[in-house]
Amino acid sequence: MVDMSTTLAGTVLPNPVMTASGCAANGKELNRFFPVTDLGAFVTKTVMLDPRSGRPTPRMAETSSGMLNSIGLQGPGIDAFVEHDLAWLAERGARVLVSVAGNTAEEFGEVVQRLVASPAFSCVVGVEANISCPNVANRGLVFACDPVSSEQVVRIVRTRVPEGVPVVAKLTPDVTDIVAVAEAAVRAGADGLTMINTLLGIVIDTDLLRPQLAGVTGGLSGPAVRPVAVRAVWQVVAAMREGRLPTAPVIGVGGVRTGRDALELVAAGAAAVQVGTATFNDPSAPRRVLAELEAEVARHGVDRFADLVGIAHDRMVRP
């Protein structure tokens, strides 16, 4: 038997596998394939203050090693979310990591305030601040591209979330120095980090000779981004181990389709992993990855999943 439990900022989860935000709606659809309570945590689709219809169609474009999406954070708004979706998840006994976003730093705070006021908040094991979305007040700059903007958002979210409930900042890889942004988020009060969000990309329709997505750009996800995710996790965890920024748990996400894929992120330093794009063609992927990851832990002859977190740093060949 392998102990697959993991701890995120004091919160103990029975296993380290989660969904990735936006890839499994808000639970009802995925629950038809397996109980969402099987997962360490269910990560919701990013919720904002007001209802959003999202970006125009077409919104999706396939690539040879992944996909681009340009959904535009479509959703019902926080009030409808807590009344219907969060309440449903609470009734099922799910452990929920709620992904939140806002057009401004202050709007992040308003979303969180309404979330915390919900009777269903008791099922929330953490709040994932999606600072990888555009800052409307700053000419569309993505919050997480700037350490100052990242700090502002995280500080506001942390003050609105009750003590004991972790705040996790979700970072973008589309930056020159992800360690600097991670440091700003952690010093502002983030209890953990999710890495990475999608990479910005464009697909050109070679018949019509124009961008395939109506919104022109989209977020690249899938197997192509996994090495980028592993690199980001490695760099930030290495900086933590060297004392260059405070230690905080990392959730790895990006291109995970198998247990071995998940193990790469774990060995780089991720204490938990999220499964996203793979769920679109295999709805059972999160639970399957969990079983495969458990088998990988056993194959390496250890009794606890936690013993493999960050192990690649210790085994690196040095000159």
C-alpha atoms as a PDB file:
ATOM      1  CA  MET A   1       0.000   0.000   0.000  1.00  0.00           C
ATOM      2  CA  VAL A   2       1.248   3.480  -0.906  1.00  0.00           C
ATOM      3  CA  ASP A   3       0.387   6.578   1.108  1.00  0.00           C
ATOM      4  CA  MET A   4      -0.719   8.989  -1.625  1.00  0.00           C
ATOM      5  CA  SER A   5      -1.692  11.843   0.674  1.00  0.00           C
ATOM      6  CA  THR A   6      -0.183  15.281   0.210  1.00  0.00           C
ATOM      7  CA  THR A   7      -0.215  18.517   2.156  1.00  0.00           C
ATOM      8  CA  LEU A   8      -0.806  21.956   0.659  1.00  0.00           C
ATOM      9  CA  ALA A   9      -0.125  24.782   3.095  1.00  0.00           C
ATOM     10  CA  GLY A  10      -1.419  22.785   6.035  1.00  0.00           C
ATOM     11  CA  THR A  11      -4.380  21.281   4.178  1.00  0.00           C
ATOM     12  CA  VAL A  12      -4.095  17.501   3.902  1.00  0.00           C
ATOM     13  CA  LEU A  13      -5.525  15.922   0.736  1.00  0.00           C
ATOM     14  CA  PRO A  14      -5.989  12.145   0.334  1.00  0.00           C
ATOM     15  CA  ASN A  15      -4.134  12.196  -2.987  1.00  0.00           C
ATOM     16  CA  PRO A  16      -2.311  14.730  -5.178  1.00  0.00           C
ATOM     17  CA  VAL A  17      -4.410  14.609  -8.366  1.00  0.00           C
ATOM     18  CA  MET A  18      -6.816  17.400  -9.307  1.00  0.00           C
ATOM     19  CA  THR A  19      -8.648  18.599 -12.359  1.00  0.00           C
ATOM     20  CA  ALA A  20      -7.330  21.709 -14.112  1.00  0.00           C
ATOM     21  CA  SER A  21      -9.513  24.790 -14.172  1.00  0.00           C
ATOM     22  CA  GLY A  22     -11.756  25.046 -17.211  1.00  0.00           C
ATOM     23  CA  CYS A  23     -11.359  21.437 -18.334  1.00  0.00           C
ATOM     24  CA  ALA A  24     -14.155  19.751 -16.371  1.00  0.00           C
ATOM     25  CA  ALA A  25     -16.767  22.512 -16.046  1.00  0.00           C
ATOM     26  CA  ASN A  26     -17.927  22.635 -12.418  1.00  0.00           C
ATOM     27  CA  GLY A  27     -18.207  18.955 -11.607  1.00  0.00           C
ATOM     28  CA  LYS A  28     -21.595  17.697 -12.752  1.00  0.00           C
ATOM     29  CA  GLU A  29     -20.400  16.644 -16.190  1.00  0.00           C
ATOM     30  CA  LEU A  30     -17.306  14.833 -14.932  1.00  0.00           C
ATOM     31  CA  ASN A  31     -19.207  13.153 -12.116  1.00  0.00           C
ATOM     32  CA  ARG A  32     -21.069  11.076 -14.694  1.00  0.00           C
ATOM     33  CA  PHE A  33     -17.815   9.203 -15.382  1.00  0.00           C
ATOM     34  CA  PHE A  34     -16.451   8.840 -11.843  1.00  0.00           C
ATOM     35  CA  PRO A  35     -17.153  10.428  -8.456  1.00  0.00           C
ATOM     36  CA  VAL A  36     -15.345  13.757  -8.231  1.00  0.00           C
ATOM     37  CA  THR A  37     -14.719  12.872  -4.586  1.00  0.00           C
ATOM     38  CA  ASP A  38     -12.121  10.347  -5.809  1.00  0.00           C
ATOM     39  CA  LEU A  39      -9.772  13.230  -6.549  1.00  0.00           C
ATOM     40  CA  GLY A  40      -7.587  15.044  -4.075  1.00  0.00           C
ATOM     41  CA  ALA A  41      -9.463  18.202  -5.065  1.00  0.00           C
ATOM     42  CA  PHE A  42     -11.786  19.361  -7.807  1.00  0.00           C
ATOM     43  CA  VAL A  43     -10.704  22.635  -9.409  1.00  0.00           C
ATOM     44  CA  THR A  44     -13.590  24.712 -10.737  1.00  0.00           C
ATOM     45  CA  LYS A  45     -13.796  26.683 -13.926  1.00  0.00           C
ATOM     46  CA  THR A  46     -12.581  30.224 -13.253  1.00  0.00           C
ATOM     47  CA  VAL A  47     -15.435  32.300 -11.875  1.00  0.00           C
ATOM     48  CA  MET A  48     -15.716  36.066 -12.169  1.00  0.00           C
ATOM     49  CA  LEU A  49     -17.961  38.709 -10.632  1.00  0.00           C
ATOM     50  CA  ASP A  50     -20.568  38.979 -13.397  1.00  0.00           C
ATOM     51  CA  PRO A  51     -21.892  36.512 -15.994  1.00  0.00           C
ATOM     52  CA  ARG A  52     -19.736  36.364 -19.134  1.00  0.00           C
ATOM     53  CA  SER A  53     -20.660  35.037 -22.564  1.00  0.00           C
ATOM     54  CA  GLY A  54     -17.020  34.615 -23.525  1.00  0.00           C
ATOM     55  CA  ARG A  55     -15.309  35.228 -26.843  1.00  0.00           C
ATOM     56  CA  PRO A  56     -16.871  34.706 -30.293  1.00  0.00           C
ATOM     57  CA  THR A  57     -16.613  31.408 -32.154  1.00  0.00           C
ATOM     58  CA  PRO A  58     -14.600  29.599 -33.364  1.00  0.00           C
ATOM     59  CA  ARG A  59     -12.947  29.232 -29.973  1.00  0.00           C
ATOM     60  CA  MET A  60     -10.940  26.026 -30.355  1.00  0.00           C
ATOM     61  CA  ALA A  61      -8.128  24.995 -32.680  1.00  0.00           C
ATOM     62  CA  GLU A  62      -6.269  21.692 -32.685  1.00  0.00           C
ATOM     63  CA  THR A  63      -2.524  21.451 -33.120  1.00  0.00           C
ATOM     64  CA  SER A  64      -0.342  18.417 -33.766  1.00  0.00           C
ATOM     65  CA  SER A  65       0.567  18.193 -30.078  1.00  0.00           C
ATOM     66  CA  GLY A  66      -2.208  19.983 -28.238  1.00  0.00           C
ATOM     67  CA  MET A  67      -4.928  22.558 -28.689  1.00  0.00           C
ATOM     68  CA  LEU A  68      -5.578  26.267 -28.474  1.00  0.00           C
ATOM     69  CA  ASN A  69      -8.615  27.618 -26.667  1.00  0.00           C
ATOM     70  CA  SER A  70     -10.044  31.104 -26.733  1.00  0.00           C
ATOM     71  CA  ILE A  71     -13.072  30.641 -24.482  1.00  0.00           C
ATOM     72  CA  GLY A  72     -12.746  33.977 -22.703  1.00  0.00           C
ATOM     73  CA  LEU A  73     -13.660  32.839 -19.173  1.00  0.00           C
ATOM     74  CA  GLN A  74     -17.313  32.256 -20.018  1.00  0.00           C
ATOM     75  CA  GLY A  75     -19.324  31.666 -16.873  1.00  0.00           C
ATOM     76  CA  PRO A  76     -22.441  32.404 -14.816  1.00  0.00           C
ATOM     77  CA  GLY A  77     -20.843  34.843 -12.366  1.00  0.00           C
ATOM     78  CA  ILE A  78     -20.057  34.301  -8.704  1.00  0.00           C
ATOM     79  CA  ASP A  79     -23.610  34.557  -7.351  1.00  0.00           C
ATOM     80  CA  ALA A  80     -24.987  31.824  -9.616  1.00  0.00           C
ATOM     81  CA  PHE A  81     -21.849  29.749  -9.090  1.00  0.00           C
ATOM     82  CA  VAL A  82     -22.157  29.592  -5.314  1.00  0.00           C
ATOM     83  CA  GLU A  83     -25.913  28.982  -5.431  1.00  0.00           C
ATOM     84  CA  HIS A  84     -25.840  26.130  -7.911  1.00  0.00           C
ATOM     85  CA  ASP A  85     -22.372  24.735  -8.656  1.00  0.00           C
ATOM     86  CA  LEU A  86     -20.613  25.118  -5.304  1.00  0.00           C
ATOM     87  CA  ALA A  87     -23.716  23.945  -3.451  1.00  0.00           C
ATOM     88  CA  TRP A  88     -23.834  20.827  -5.654  1.00  0.00           C
ATOM     89  CA  LEU A  89     -20.165  20.074  -5.009  1.00  0.00           C
ATOM     90  CA  ALA A  90     -20.668  20.546  -1.265  1.00  0.00           C
ATOM     91  CA  GLU A  91     -23.598  18.124  -1.260  1.00  0.00           C
ATOM     92  CA  ARG A  92     -21.372  15.482  -2.906  1.00  0.00           C
ATOM     93  CA  GLY A  93     -18.653  15.957  -0.299  1.00  0.00           C
ATOM     94  CA  ALA A  94     -16.066  17.149  -2.823  1.00  0.00           C
ATOM     95  CA  ARG A  95     -12.928  18.981  -1.808  1.00  0.00           C
ATOM     96  CA  VAL A  96     -12.989  22.119  -3.940  1.00  0.00           C
ATOM     97  CA  LEU A  97     -10.273  24.465  -5.102  1.00  0.00           C
ATOM     98  CA  VAL A  98     -12.171  27.470  -6.458  1.00  0.00           C
ATOM     99  CA  SER A  99     -10.518  29.351  -9.324  1.00  0.00           C
ATOM    100  CA  VAL A 100     -11.315  33.081  -9.248  1.00  0.00           C
ATOM    101  CA  ALA A 101     -10.491  36.037 -11.474  1.00  0.00           C
ATOM    102  CA  GLY A 102     -11.338  39.681 -11.945  1.00  0.00           C
ATOM    103  CA  ASN A 103     -10.880  42.519 -14.401  1.00  0.00           C
ATOM    104  CA  THR A 104      -9.125  44.495 -11.665  1.00  0.00           C
ATOM    105  CA  ALA A 105      -7.396  43.638  -8.410  1.00  0.00           C
ATOM    106  CA  GLU A 106     -10.372  45.039  -6.481  1.00  0.00           C
ATOM    107  CA  GLU A 107     -12.756  42.822  -8.455  1.00  0.00           C
ATOM    108  CA  PHE A 108     -10.802  39.748  -7.377  1.00  0.00           C
ATOM    109  CA  GLY A 109     -11.533  40.797  -3.817  1.00  0.00           C
ATOM    110  CA  GLU A 110     -15.249  41.206  -4.461  1.00  0.00           C
ATOM    111  CA  VAL A 111     -15.483  37.750  -6.031  1.00  0.00           C
ATOM    112  CA  VAL A 112     -13.728  36.180  -3.053  1.00  0.00           C
ATOM    113  CA  GLN A 113     -15.871  38.079  -0.578  1.00  0.00           C
ATOM    114  CA  ARG A 114     -19.063  36.662  -2.104  1.00  0.00           C
ATOM    115  CA  LEU A 115     -17.504  33.192  -2.269  1.00  0.00           C
ATOM    116  CA  VAL A 116     -16.585  33.226   1.419  1.00  0.00           C
ATOM    117  CA  ALA A 117     -20.100  34.376   2.365  1.00  0.00           C
ATOM    118  CA  SER A 118     -21.646  31.276   0.753  1.00  0.00           C
ATOM    119  CA  PRO A 119     -23.036  28.539   3.050  1.00  0.00           C
ATOM    120  CA  ALA A 120     -21.277  26.036   0.778  1.00  0.00           C
ATOM    121  CA  PHE A 121     -17.844  27.543   1.462  1.00  0.00           C
ATOM    122  CA  SER A 122     -17.192  24.752   3.967  1.00  0.00           C
ATOM    123  CA  CYS A 123     -16.206  22.419   1.088  1.00  0.00           C
ATOM    124  CA  VAL A 124     -13.546  24.817  -0.186  1.00  0.00           C
ATOM    125  CA  VAL A 125     -10.006  23.598   0.517  1.00  0.00           C
ATOM    126  CA  GLY A 126      -8.375  26.531  -1.238  1.00  0.00           C
ATOM    127  CA  VAL A 127      -8.770  29.497  -3.567  1.00  0.00           C
ATOM    128  CA  GLU A 128      -6.779  29.551  -6.803  1.00  0.00           C
ATOM    129  CA  ALA A 129      -6.221  33.150  -7.911  1.00  0.00           C
ATOM    130  CA  ASN A 130      -6.048  33.055 -11.700  1.00  0.00           C
ATOM    131  CA  ILE A 131      -3.706  36.010 -12.086  1.00  0.00           C
ATOM    132  CA  SER A 132      -2.904  34.792 -15.587  1.00  0.00           C
ATOM    133  CA  CYS A 133      -5.914  36.672 -16.959  1.00  0.00           C
ATOM    134  CA  PRO A 134      -5.755  40.217 -18.429  1.00  0.00           C
ATOM    135  CA  ASN A 135      -5.808  43.295 -16.207  1.00  0.00           C
ATOM    136  CA  VAL A 136      -8.407  45.525 -17.878  1.00  0.00           C
ATOM    137  CA  ALA A 137      -7.358  48.503 -15.778  1.00  0.00           C
ATOM    138  CA  ASN A 138      -3.812  48.233 -17.137  1.00  0.00           C
ATOM    139  CA  ARG A 139      -4.397  48.072 -20.909  1.00  0.00           C
ATOM    140  CA  GLY A 140      -4.997  44.339 -20.922  1.00  0.00           C
ATOM    141  CA  LEU A 141      -1.681  43.362 -19.358  1.00  0.00           C
ATOM    142  CA  VAL A 142      -1.812  39.917 -17.792  1.00  0.00           C
ATOM    143  CA  PHE A 143      -1.494  40.336 -14.004  1.00  0.00           C
ATOM    144  CA  ALA A 144       1.058  37.548 -13.684  1.00  0.00           C
ATOM    145  CA  CYS A 145       3.365  39.151 -16.274  1.00  0.00           C
ATOM    146  CA  ASP A 146       4.189  41.837 -13.729  1.00  0.00           C
ATOM    147  CA  PRO A 147       5.392  41.193 -10.164  1.00  0.00           C
ATOM    148  CA  VAL A 148       3.756  44.397  -8.880  1.00  0.00           C
ATOM    149  CA  SER A 149       0.321  43.537 -10.323  1.00  0.00           C
ATOM    150  CA  SER A 150       0.654  39.957  -9.079  1.00  0.00           C
ATOM    151  CA  GLU A 151       1.427  41.201  -5.587  1.00  0.00           C
ATOM    152  CA  GLN A 152      -1.570  43.547  -5.569  1.00  0.00           C
ATOM    153  CA  VAL A 153      -4.023  40.813  -6.514  1.00  0.00           C
ATOM    154  CA  VAL A 154      -2.655  38.185  -4.155  1.00  0.00           C
ATOM    155  CA  ARG A 155      -2.578  40.616  -1.231  1.00  0.00           C
ATOM    156  CA  ILE A 156      -6.238  41.521  -1.733  1.00  0.00           C
ATOM    157  CA  VAL A 157      -7.326  37.878  -2.135  1.00  0.00           C
ATOM    158  CA  ARG A 158      -5.362  36.805   0.936  1.00  0.00           C
ATOM    159  CA  THR A 159      -7.061  39.432   3.104  1.00  0.00           C
ATOM    160  CA  ARG A 160     -10.523  38.251   2.007  1.00  0.00           C
ATOM    161  CA  VAL A 161      -9.933  34.512   2.455  1.00  0.00           C
ATOM    162  CA  PRO A 162     -10.194  33.176   6.040  1.00  0.00           C
ATOM    163  CA  GLU A 163      -6.998  32.066   7.743  1.00  0.00           C
ATOM    164  CA  GLY A 164      -6.432  28.350   7.354  1.00  0.00           C
ATOM    165  CA  VAL A 165      -7.796  28.284   3.792  1.00  0.00           C
ATOM    166  CA  PRO A 166      -4.855  28.330   1.343  1.00  0.00           C
ATOM    167  CA  VAL A 167      -4.574  30.912  -1.429  1.00  0.00           C
ATOM    168  CA  VAL A 168      -2.795  29.584  -4.517  1.00  0.00           C
ATOM    169  CA  ALA A 169      -1.586  31.897  -7.295  1.00  0.00           C
ATOM    170  CA  LYS A 170      -1.738  30.517 -10.837  1.00  0.00           C
ATOM    171  CA  LEU A 171       1.181  31.746 -12.936  1.00  0.00           C
ATOM    172  CA  THR A 172       1.754  32.150 -16.654  1.00  0.00           C
ATOM    173  CA  PRO A 173       4.894  30.855 -18.383  1.00  0.00           C
ATOM    174  CA  ASP A 174       4.808  33.813 -20.790  1.00  0.00           C
ATOM    175  CA  VAL A 175       7.310  35.829 -18.763  1.00  0.00           C
ATOM    176  CA  THR A 176      11.049  36.390 -18.791  1.00  0.00           C
ATOM    177  CA  ASP A 177      11.559  35.486 -15.117  1.00  0.00           C
ATOM    178  CA  ILE A 178       8.879  33.320 -13.524  1.00  0.00           C
ATOM    179  CA  VAL A 179      10.862  33.163 -10.278  1.00  0.00           C
ATOM    180  CA  ALA A 180      10.457  36.927  -9.796  1.00  0.00           C
ATOM    181  CA  VAL A 181       6.677  36.682 -10.221  1.00  0.00           C
ATOM    182  CA  ALA A 182       6.506  33.665  -7.913  1.00  0.00           C
ATOM    183  CA  GLU A 183       8.459  35.559  -5.274  1.00  0.00           C
ATOM    184  CA  ALA A 184       6.101  38.543  -5.497  1.00  0.00           C
ATOM    185  CA  ALA A 185       3.064  36.273  -5.104  1.00  0.00           C
ATOM    186  CA  VAL A 186       4.459  34.347  -2.140  1.00  0.00           C
ATOM    187  CA  ARG A 187       5.654  37.460  -0.329  1.00  0.00           C
ATOM    188  CA  ALA A 188       2.198  38.989  -0.839  1.00  0.00           C
ATOM    189  CA  GLY A 189       0.610  36.070   0.997  1.00  0.00           C
ATOM    190  CA  ALA A 190       0.154  33.241  -1.490  1.00  0.00           C
ATOM    191  CA  ASP A 191       0.311  29.922   0.369  1.00  0.00           C
ATOM    192  CA  GLY A 192       1.112  28.027  -2.829  1.00  0.00           C
ATOM    193  CA  LEU A 193       1.598  28.318  -6.580  1.00  0.00           C
ATOM    194  CA  THR A 194      -0.033  26.633  -9.586  1.00  0.00           C
ATOM    195  CA  MET A 195       2.228  26.348 -12.629  1.00  0.00           C
ATOM    196  CA  ILE A 196       1.557  26.701 -15.451  1.00  0.00           C
ATOM    197  CA  ASN A 197      -1.323  28.299 -17.273  1.00  0.00           C
ATOM    198  CA  THR A 198      -1.530  27.956 -21.062  1.00  0.00           C
ATOM    199  CA  LEU A 199       1.000  29.507 -23.458  1.00  0.00           C
ATOM    200  CA  LEU A 200      -0.212  32.211 -25.826  1.00  0.00           C
ATOM    201  CA  GLY A 201      -0.350  31.046 -29.440  1.00  0.00           C
ATOM    202  CA  ILE A 202      -1.967  31.517 -32.852  1.00  0.00           C
ATOM    203  CA  VAL A 203      -3.094  28.976 -35.461  1.00  0.00           C
ATOM    204  CA  ILE A 204      -3.372  30.106 -39.089  1.00  0.00           C
ATOM    205  CA  ASP A 205      -5.987  28.469 -41.321  1.00  0.00           C
ATOM    206  CA  THR A 206      -3.889  27.654 -44.406  1.00  0.00           C
ATOM    207  CA  ASP A 207      -6.954  27.399 -46.661  1.00  0.00           C
ATOM    208  CA  LEU A 208      -8.462  30.758 -45.730  1.00  0.00           C
ATOM    209  CA  LEU A 209      -5.059  32.234 -44.815  1.00  0.00           C
ATOM    210  CA  ARG A 210      -6.307  33.913 -41.675  1.00  0.00           C
ATOM    211  CA  PRO A 211      -6.254  33.166 -37.938  1.00  0.00           C
ATOM    212  CA  GLN A 212      -8.421  30.160 -37.149  1.00  0.00           C
ATOM    213  CA  LEU A 213      -9.661  31.557 -33.839  1.00  0.00           C
ATOM    214  CA  ALA A 214     -12.108  34.451 -33.896  1.00  0.00           C
ATOM    215  CA  GLY A 215     -10.187  35.997 -31.011  1.00  0.00           C
ATOM    216  CA  VAL A 216      -6.939  35.515 -32.991  1.00  0.00           C
ATOM    217  CA  THR A 217      -4.845  34.330 -30.012  1.00  0.00           C
ATOM    218  CA  GLY A 218      -5.556  31.387 -27.750  1.00  0.00           C
ATOM    219  CA  GLY A 219      -4.008  29.395 -24.934  1.00  0.00           C
ATOM    220  CA  LEU A 220      -1.915  26.392 -25.954  1.00  0.00           C
ATOM    221  CA  SER A 221      -2.340  23.310 -23.764  1.00  0.00           C
ATOM    222  CA  GLY A 222      -1.662  19.604 -24.077  1.00  0.00           C
ATOM    223  CA  PRO A 223       1.500  17.477 -24.396  1.00  0.00           C
ATOM    224  CA  ALA A 224       3.474  20.246 -26.110  1.00  0.00           C
ATOM    225  CA  VAL A 225       3.567  22.381 -22.971  1.00  0.00           C
ATOM    226  CA  ARG A 226       4.659  19.727 -20.458  1.00  0.00           C
ATOM    227  CA  PRO A 227       8.417  20.408 -20.734  1.00  0.00           C
ATOM    228  CA  VAL A 228       7.670  24.095 -20.179  1.00  0.00           C
ATOM    229  CA  ALA A 229       5.645  23.259 -17.080  1.00  0.00           C
ATOM    230  CA  VAL A 230       8.400  20.999 -15.749  1.00  0.00           C
ATOM    231  CA  ARG A 231      10.934  23.771 -16.364  1.00  0.00           C
ATOM    232  CA  ALA A 232       8.831  26.359 -14.544  1.00  0.00           C
ATOM    233  CA  VAL A 233       8.255  24.099 -11.541  1.00  0.00           C
ATOM    234  CA  TRP A 234      11.945  23.184 -11.461  1.00  0.00           C
ATOM    235  CA  GLN A 235      13.125  26.814 -11.542  1.00  0.00           C
ATOM    236  CA  VAL A 236      10.789  28.012  -8.801  1.00  0.00           C
ATOM    237  CA  VAL A 237      11.383  25.018  -6.523  1.00  0.00           C
ATOM    238  CA  ALA A 238      15.147  25.338  -7.034  1.00  0.00           C
ATOM    239  CA  ALA A 239      14.933  28.985  -5.966  1.00  0.00           C
ATOM    240  CA  MET A 240      13.008  27.939  -2.859  1.00  0.00           C
ATOM    241  CA  ARG A 241      15.545  25.251  -1.973  1.00  0.00           C
ATOM    242  CA  GLU A 242      18.363  27.761  -2.399  1.00  0.00           C
ATOM    243  CA  GLY A 243      16.610  30.229  -0.087  1.00  0.00           C
ATOM    244  CA  ARG A 244      16.052  32.850  -2.769  1.00  0.00           C
ATOM    245  CA  LEU A 245      12.307  32.926  -2.072  1.00  0.00           C
ATOM    246  CA  PRO A 246      10.089  31.582   0.719  1.00  0.00           C
ATOM    247  CA  THR A 247       9.115  27.926   0.538  1.00  0.00           C
ATOM    248  CA  ALA A 248       5.576  27.202  -0.643  1.00  0.00           C
ATOM    249  CA  PRO A 249       3.924  24.121  -2.153  1.00  0.00           C
ATOM    250  CA  VAL A 250       3.639  23.972  -5.931  1.00  0.00           C
ATOM    251  CA  ILE A 251       0.842  22.427  -7.991  1.00  0.00           C
ATOM    252  CA  GLY A 252       2.121  21.281 -11.381  1.00  0.00           C
ATOM    253  CA  VAL A 253      -0.095  21.439 -14.451  1.00  0.00           C
ATOM    254  CA  GLY A 254       0.523  21.220 -18.165  1.00  0.00           C
ATOM    255  CA  GLY A 255       0.242  18.330 -20.591  1.00  0.00           C
ATOM    256  CA  VAL A 256      -0.319  15.543 -18.054  1.00  0.00           C
ATOM    257  CA  ARG A 257      -1.839  12.494 -19.765  1.00  0.00           C
ATOM    258  CA  THR A 258      -0.277   9.607 -17.828  1.00  0.00           C
ATOM    259  CA  GLY A 259       1.079   8.775 -14.416  1.00  0.00           C
ATOM    260  CA  ARG A 260       4.610   9.095 -15.761  1.00  0.00           C
ATOM    261  CA  ASP A 261       3.820  12.589 -17.030  1.00  0.00           C
ATOM    262  CA  ALA A 262       2.612  13.475 -13.541  1.00  0.00           C
ATOM    263  CA  LEU A 263       5.740  11.965 -12.003  1.00  0.00           C
ATOM    264  CA  GLU A 264       7.917  14.354 -14.028  1.00  0.00           C
ATOM    265  CA  LEU A 265       6.257  17.334 -12.380  1.00  0.00           C
ATOM    266  CA  VAL A 266       6.407  15.685  -8.961  1.00  0.00           C
ATOM    267  CA  ALA A 267      10.110  14.911  -9.263  1.00  0.00           C
ATOM    268  CA  ALA A 268      10.673  18.542 -10.289  1.00  0.00           C
ATOM    269  CA  GLY A 269       9.006  19.631  -7.057  1.00  0.00           C
ATOM    270  CA  ALA A 270       5.219  19.620  -7.479  1.00  0.00           C
ATOM    271  CA  ALA A 271       3.329  18.450  -4.391  1.00  0.00           C
ATOM    272  CA  ALA A 272       0.169  17.966  -6.492  1.00  0.00           C
ATOM    273  CA  VAL A 273      -0.723  17.788 -10.177  1.00  0.00           C
ATOM    274  CA  GLN A 274      -3.684  18.853 -12.272  1.00  0.00           C
ATOM    275  CA  VAL A 275      -5.050  17.008 -15.311  1.00  0.00           C
ATOM    276  CA  GLY A 276      -6.664  19.219 -17.933  1.00  0.00           C
ATOM    277  CA  THR A 277      -6.689  18.803 -21.716  1.00  0.00           C
ATOM    278  CA  ALA A 278      -6.511  14.999 -21.528  1.00  0.00           C
ATOM    279  CA  THR A 279      -9.977  15.046 -19.974  1.00  0.00           C
ATOM    280  CA  PHE A 280     -11.554  16.256 -23.223  1.00  0.00           C
ATOM    281  CA  ASN A 281     -10.939  12.985 -25.061  1.00  0.00           C
ATOM    282  CA  ASP A 282     -10.788  10.758 -21.962  1.00  0.00           C
ATOM    283  CA  PRO A 283     -13.117  11.942 -19.188  1.00  0.00           C
ATOM    284  CA  SER A 284     -11.686   9.291 -16.870  1.00  0.00           C
ATOM    285  CA  ALA A 285      -8.161  10.702 -17.285  1.00  0.00           C
ATOM    286  CA  PRO A 286      -7.834  12.303 -13.811  1.00  0.00           C
ATOM    287  CA  ARG A 287      -8.699   9.086 -11.989  1.00  0.00           C
ATOM    288  CA  ARG A 288      -6.628   6.988 -14.395  1.00  0.00           C
ATOM    289  CA  VAL A 289      -3.614   9.260 -13.898  1.00  0.00           C
ATOM    290  CA  LEU A 290      -4.040   8.856 -10.134  1.00  0.00           C
ATOM    291  CA  ALA A 291      -3.931   5.061 -10.425  1.00  0.00           C
ATOM    292  CA  GLU A 292      -0.933   5.210 -12.755  1.00  0.00           C
ATOM    293  CA  LEU A 293       0.901   7.662 -10.504  1.00  0.00           C
ATOM    294  CA  GLU A 294       0.340   5.386  -7.509  1.00  0.00           C
ATOM    295  CA  ALA A 295       1.823   2.519  -9.518  1.00  0.00           C
ATOM    296  CA  GLU A 296       4.822   4.705 -10.390  1.00  0.00           C
ATOM    297  CA  VAL A 297       5.400   5.531  -6.722  1.00  0.00           C
ATOM    298  CA  ALA A 298       5.312   1.825  -5.868  1.00  0.00           C
ATOM    299  CA  ARG A 299       7.655   1.026  -8.782  1.00  0.00           C
ATOM    300  CA  HIS A 300      10.274   3.297  -7.289  1.00  0.00           C
ATOM    301  CA  GLY A 301      10.111   1.364  -4.027  1.00  0.00           C
ATOM    302  CA  VAL A 302       8.848   4.091  -1.711  1.00  0.00           C
ATOM    303  CA  ASP A 303       5.872   3.921   0.618  1.00  0.00           C
ATOM    304  CA  ARG A 304       4.868   7.578   0.515  1.00  0.00           C
ATOM    305  CA  PHE A 305       4.101   9.813  -2.438  1.00  0.00           C
ATOM    306  CA  ALA A 306       5.609  12.741  -0.527  1.00  0.00           C
ATOM    307  CA  ASP A 307       9.041  11.078  -0.639  1.00  0.00           C
ATOM    308  CA  LEU A 308       9.246  11.699  -4.403  1.00  0.00           C
ATOM    309  CA  VAL A 309       8.345  15.405  -4.346  1.00  0.00           C
ATOM    310  CA  GLY A 310      11.381  17.296  -5.640  1.00  0.00           C
ATOM    311  CA  ILE A 311      13.608  14.223  -5.657  1.00  0.00           C
ATOM    312  CA  ALA A 312      15.148  15.133  -9.028  1.00  0.00           C
ATOM    313  CA  HIS A 313      16.922  18.098  -7.404  1.00  0.00           C
ATOM    314  CA  ASP A 314      18.743  15.737  -5.057  1.00  0.00           C
ATOM    315  CA  ARG A 315      19.665  13.305  -7.814  1.00  0.00           C
ATOM    316  CA  MET A 316      20.946  15.847 -10.327  1.00  0.00           C
ATOM    317  CA  VAL A 317      24.417  15.016 -11.631  1.00  0.00           C
ATOM    318  CA  ARG A 318      26.725  17.861 -10.729  1.00  0.00           C
ATOM    319  CA  PRO A 319      30.212  18.526 -12.114  1.00  0.00           C
END
